[in-house]
Amino acid sequence: MAKTETLHIRVEPEIKLQAEETFRDLGITTADAVNIFLHKAIYTGGFPFDVRKEYNRETIEAIKEAKRIARDPNVKRYNTMEEIIAGLNADD
């Protein structure tokens, strides 16, 4: 099939240079890489790789909770694993 369509995209100059270098090392052009991406996206019915937030809501809430606990002067502190185990056993 003849290639008759053109895509125009804007990217950061440094990203473009790094991508071109990466693709050159693979022996292909950036246009070849985009075509491979598009074909693979069609084949898989979506992105050909996982696309997700770095952290989900549960992880973000756990991070916030950990920060609150770290700042709370009333939270029991432990210095060794033995102290942690003793503290867990004391609750039994």
N, C-alpha and C. Protein backbone atom coordinates (compact mmCIF):
# COMPACT_ATOMS: atom_id res chain seq x y z
N MET A 1 0.85 -1.17 0.00
CA MET A 1 0.00 0.00 0.00
C MET A 1 0.90 1.24 0.00
N ALA A 2 0.58 2.20 -0.83
CA ALA A 2 1.38 3.43 -0.94
C ALA A 2 1.17 4.31 0.28
N LYS A 3 2.23 4.92 0.72
CA LYS A 3 2.15 5.85 1.86
C LYS A 3 1.83 7.23 1.30
N THR A 4 0.59 7.68 1.55
CA THR A 4 0.17 8.97 1.01
C THR A 4 -0.24 9.97 2.07
N GLU A 5 -0.32 9.53 3.33
CA GLU A 5 -0.72 10.42 4.42
C GLU A 5 0.50 10.90 5.18
N THR A 6 0.39 12.10 5.76
CA THR A 6 1.48 12.69 6.52
C THR A 6 0.98 13.04 7.92
N LEU A 7 1.76 12.71 8.93
CA LEU A 7 1.47 13.11 10.30
C LEU A 7 2.42 14.24 10.68
N HIS A 8 1.89 15.26 11.33
CA HIS A 8 2.72 16.33 11.86
C HIS A 8 2.50 16.34 13.37
N ILE A 9 3.56 16.13 14.11
CA ILE A 9 3.46 16.13 15.57
C ILE A 9 4.52 17.04 16.15
N ARG A 10 4.23 17.58 17.30
CA ARG A 10 5.20 18.43 18.00
C ARG A 10 5.76 17.66 19.19
N VAL A 11 7.08 17.68 19.30
CA VAL A 11 7.77 17.02 20.41
C VAL A 11 8.90 17.93 20.87
N GLU A 12 9.36 17.67 22.07
CA GLU A 12 10.50 18.43 22.59
C GLU A 12 11.73 18.09 21.77
N PRO A 13 12.55 19.09 21.44
CA PRO A 13 13.73 18.84 20.60
C PRO A 13 14.65 17.75 21.14
N GLU A 14 14.90 17.74 22.44
CA GLU A 14 15.80 16.74 23.02
C GLU A 14 15.21 15.33 22.90
N ILE A 15 13.91 15.22 23.08
CA ILE A 15 13.25 13.92 22.94
C ILE A 15 13.38 13.43 21.51
N LYS A 16 13.17 14.33 20.56
CA LYS A 16 13.29 13.97 19.14
C LYS A 16 14.69 13.45 18.83
N LEU A 17 15.71 14.15 19.32
CA LEU A 17 17.09 13.75 19.07
C LEU A 17 17.40 12.39 19.70
N GLN A 18 16.96 12.19 20.93
CA GLN A 18 17.21 10.91 21.61
C GLN A 18 16.49 9.77 20.90
N ALA A 19 15.26 10.02 20.47
CA ALA A 19 14.50 8.99 19.75
C ALA A 19 15.17 8.66 18.43
N GLU A 20 15.58 9.69 17.68
CA GLU A 20 16.24 9.45 16.40
C GLU A 20 17.51 8.62 16.58
N GLU A 21 18.27 8.92 17.64
CA GLU A 21 19.49 8.16 17.91
C GLU A 21 19.16 6.71 18.24
N THR A 22 18.14 6.52 19.06
CA THR A 22 17.72 5.16 19.43
C THR A 22 17.30 4.38 18.20
N PHE A 23 16.47 4.99 17.36
CA PHE A 23 15.99 4.29 16.16
C PHE A 23 17.12 4.06 15.16
N ARG A 24 18.03 5.02 15.05
CA ARG A 24 19.19 4.84 14.16
C ARG A 24 20.00 3.64 14.60
N ASP A 25 20.18 3.48 15.93
CA ASP A 25 20.90 2.32 16.45
C ASP A 25 20.20 1.01 16.09
N LEU A 26 18.88 1.09 15.92
CA LEU A 26 18.10 -0.09 15.55
C LEU A 26 18.04 -0.27 14.04
N GLY A 27 18.56 0.71 13.32
CA GLY A 27 18.58 0.61 11.86
C GLY A 27 17.30 1.06 11.18
N ILE A 28 16.50 1.86 11.90
CA ILE A 28 15.25 2.36 11.31
C ILE A 28 15.15 3.87 11.50
N THR A 29 14.25 4.49 10.77
CA THR A 29 14.00 5.92 10.91
C THR A 29 12.90 6.15 11.93
N THR A 30 12.74 7.39 12.33
CA THR A 30 11.65 7.73 13.24
C THR A 30 10.31 7.44 12.57
N ALA A 31 10.22 7.73 11.28
CA ALA A 31 8.98 7.43 10.54
C ALA A 31 8.69 5.93 10.56
N ASP A 32 9.74 5.11 10.38
CA ASP A 32 9.56 3.65 10.47
C ASP A 32 9.03 3.25 11.85
N ALA A 33 9.60 3.86 12.89
CA ALA A 33 9.21 3.54 14.26
C ALA A 33 7.74 3.92 14.50
N VAL A 34 7.33 5.06 14.00
CA VAL A 34 5.93 5.49 14.15
C VAL A 34 5.02 4.51 13.42
N ASN A 35 5.41 4.10 12.22
CA ASN A 35 4.61 3.13 11.48
C ASN A 35 4.51 1.80 12.22
N ILE A 36 5.61 1.36 12.80
CA ILE A 36 5.59 0.12 13.59
C ILE A 36 4.63 0.27 14.77
N PHE A 37 4.72 1.41 15.45
CA PHE A 37 3.82 1.68 16.58
C PHE A 37 2.36 1.63 16.14
N LEU A 38 2.04 2.29 15.04
CA LEU A 38 0.65 2.33 14.56
C LEU A 38 0.15 0.94 14.18
N HIS A 39 0.98 0.18 13.49
CA HIS A 39 0.59 -1.18 13.13
C HIS A 39 0.36 -2.05 14.37
N LYS A 40 1.26 -1.93 15.32
CA LYS A 40 1.13 -2.72 16.55
C LYS A 40 -0.11 -2.29 17.34
N ALA A 41 -0.41 -1.01 17.37
CA ALA A 41 -1.61 -0.52 18.06
C ALA A 41 -2.86 -1.09 17.41
N ILE A 42 -2.89 -1.14 16.10
CA ILE A 42 -4.03 -1.71 15.39
C ILE A 42 -4.14 -3.20 15.71
N TYR A 43 -3.02 -3.91 15.68
CA TYR A 43 -2.99 -5.35 15.93
C TYR A 43 -3.47 -5.69 17.33
N THR A 44 -3.05 -4.88 18.33
CA THR A 44 -3.40 -5.18 19.72
C THR A 44 -4.72 -4.54 20.14
N GLY A 45 -5.24 -3.64 19.31
CA GLY A 45 -6.50 -2.98 19.66
C GLY A 45 -6.34 -1.89 20.69
N GLY A 46 -5.18 -1.29 20.77
CA GLY A 46 -4.90 -0.22 21.73
C GLY A 46 -3.41 0.03 21.77
N PHE A 47 -2.98 0.63 22.85
CA PHE A 47 -1.55 0.86 22.99
C PHE A 47 -0.82 -0.48 23.05
N PRO A 48 0.31 -0.60 22.39
CA PRO A 48 1.04 -1.87 22.43
C PRO A 48 1.91 -2.02 23.68
N PHE A 49 1.57 -1.28 24.70
CA PHE A 49 2.27 -1.34 25.99
C PHE A 49 1.32 -0.80 27.03
N ASP A 50 1.61 -1.06 28.31
CA ASP A 50 0.75 -0.58 29.39
C ASP A 50 0.80 0.94 29.48
N VAL A 51 -0.36 1.55 29.62
CA VAL A 51 -0.46 2.99 29.84
C VAL A 51 -1.26 3.17 31.11
N ARG A 52 -0.61 3.72 32.10
CA ARG A 52 -1.29 3.93 33.38
C ARG A 52 -0.58 5.00 34.18
N LYS A 53 -1.26 5.47 35.18
CA LYS A 53 -0.66 6.44 36.08
C LYS A 53 0.47 5.76 36.84
N GLU A 54 1.44 6.55 37.22
CA GLU A 54 2.55 5.96 37.97
C GLU A 54 2.05 5.34 39.28
N TYR A 55 1.12 6.01 39.94
CA TYR A 55 0.55 5.50 41.18
C TYR A 55 -0.96 5.50 41.07
N ASN A 56 -1.59 4.45 41.59
CA ASN A 56 -3.04 4.44 41.63
C ASN A 56 -3.51 5.14 42.90
N ARG A 57 -4.80 5.33 43.03
CA ARG A 57 -5.37 6.07 44.17
C ARG A 57 -4.99 5.42 45.50
N GLU A 58 -5.02 4.10 45.57
CA GLU A 58 -4.69 3.39 46.80
C GLU A 58 -3.24 3.64 47.22
N THR A 59 -2.34 3.64 46.25
CA THR A 59 -0.93 3.90 46.54
C THR A 59 -0.73 5.33 47.01
N ILE A 60 -1.38 6.28 46.37
CA ILE A 60 -1.27 7.69 46.76
C ILE A 60 -1.77 7.88 48.18
N GLU A 61 -2.89 7.25 48.52
CA GLU A 61 -3.42 7.35 49.89
C GLU A 61 -2.47 6.71 50.89
N ALA A 62 -1.84 5.60 50.53
CA ALA A 62 -0.88 4.95 51.42
C ALA A 62 0.33 5.84 51.65
N ILE A 63 0.78 6.53 50.62
CA ILE A 63 1.91 7.46 50.75
C ILE A 63 1.53 8.60 51.68
N LYS A 64 0.33 9.16 51.51
CA LYS A 64 -0.13 10.25 52.38
C LYS A 64 -0.22 9.78 53.83
N GLU A 65 -0.75 8.57 54.02
CA GLU A 65 -0.85 8.02 55.38
C GLU A 65 0.53 7.84 56.00
N ALA A 66 1.46 7.33 55.23
CA ALA A 66 2.83 7.14 55.74
C ALA A 66 3.45 8.46 56.13
N LYS A 67 3.22 9.51 55.35
CA LYS A 67 3.75 10.83 55.69
C LYS A 67 3.12 11.37 56.97
N ARG A 68 1.79 11.16 57.13
CA ARG A 68 1.11 11.60 58.37
C ARG A 68 1.69 10.86 59.57
N ILE A 69 1.87 9.56 59.44
CA ILE A 69 2.41 8.75 60.53
C ILE A 69 3.83 9.21 60.88
N ALA A 70 4.63 9.49 59.87
CA ALA A 70 6.02 9.90 60.10
C ALA A 70 6.09 11.22 60.86
N ARG A 71 5.09 12.09 60.67
CA ARG A 71 5.10 13.39 61.35
C ARG A 71 4.43 13.36 62.72
N ASP A 72 3.69 12.29 63.01
CA ASP A 72 2.92 12.21 64.25
C ASP A 72 3.83 11.82 65.41
N PRO A 73 4.01 12.74 66.38
CA PRO A 73 4.91 12.44 67.51
C PRO A 73 4.34 11.37 68.45
N ASN A 74 3.05 11.06 68.35
CA ASN A 74 2.42 10.08 69.23
C ASN A 74 2.55 8.65 68.71
N VAL A 75 3.07 8.48 67.52
CA VAL A 75 3.22 7.14 66.95
C VAL A 75 4.46 6.49 67.54
N LYS A 76 4.29 5.23 68.00
CA LYS A 76 5.41 4.48 68.59
C LYS A 76 6.50 4.29 67.54
N ARG A 77 7.74 4.51 67.94
CA ARG A 77 8.89 4.34 67.05
C ARG A 77 9.68 3.10 67.45
N TYR A 78 10.28 2.46 66.44
CA TYR A 78 11.09 1.28 66.66
C TYR A 78 12.45 1.49 66.03
N ASN A 79 13.48 0.96 66.68
CA ASN A 79 14.84 1.10 66.17
C ASN A 79 15.41 -0.18 65.58
N THR A 80 14.83 -1.30 65.97
CA THR A 80 15.34 -2.58 65.47
C THR A 80 14.16 -3.49 65.11
N MET A 81 14.46 -4.54 64.36
CA MET A 81 13.45 -5.52 64.01
C MET A 81 12.94 -6.22 65.27
N GLU A 82 13.84 -6.45 66.21
CA GLU A 82 13.45 -7.12 67.46
C GLU A 82 12.40 -6.29 68.20
N GLU A 83 12.57 -4.96 68.22
CA GLU A 83 11.59 -4.09 68.88
C GLU A 83 10.23 -4.17 68.19
N ILE A 84 10.26 -4.24 66.86
CA ILE A 84 9.00 -4.34 66.11
C ILE A 84 8.30 -5.64 66.46
N ILE A 85 9.04 -6.75 66.44
CA ILE A 85 8.45 -8.05 66.74
C ILE A 85 7.91 -8.09 68.17
N ALA A 86 8.68 -7.53 69.11
CA ALA A 86 8.23 -7.48 70.50
C ALA A 86 6.95 -6.64 70.60
N GLY A 87 6.90 -5.55 69.87
CA GLY A 87 5.70 -4.71 69.89
C GLY A 87 4.50 -5.43 69.31
N LEU A 88 4.71 -6.21 68.27
CA LEU A 88 3.61 -6.98 67.69
C LEU A 88 3.14 -8.06 68.65
N ASN A 89 4.08 -8.73 69.29
CA ASN A 89 3.74 -9.79 70.23
C ASN A 89 3.06 -9.23 71.48
N ALA A 90 3.36 -8.01 71.86
CA ALA A 90 2.78 -7.39 73.05
C ALA A 90 1.29 -7.13 72.84
N ASP A 91 0.87 -6.97 71.59
CA ASP A 91 -0.53 -6.69 71.29
C ASP A 91 -1.41 -7.93 71.37
N ASP A 92 -0.78 -9.14 71.46
CA ASP A 92 -1.55 -10.39 71.49
C ASP A 92 -2.28 -10.58 72.79
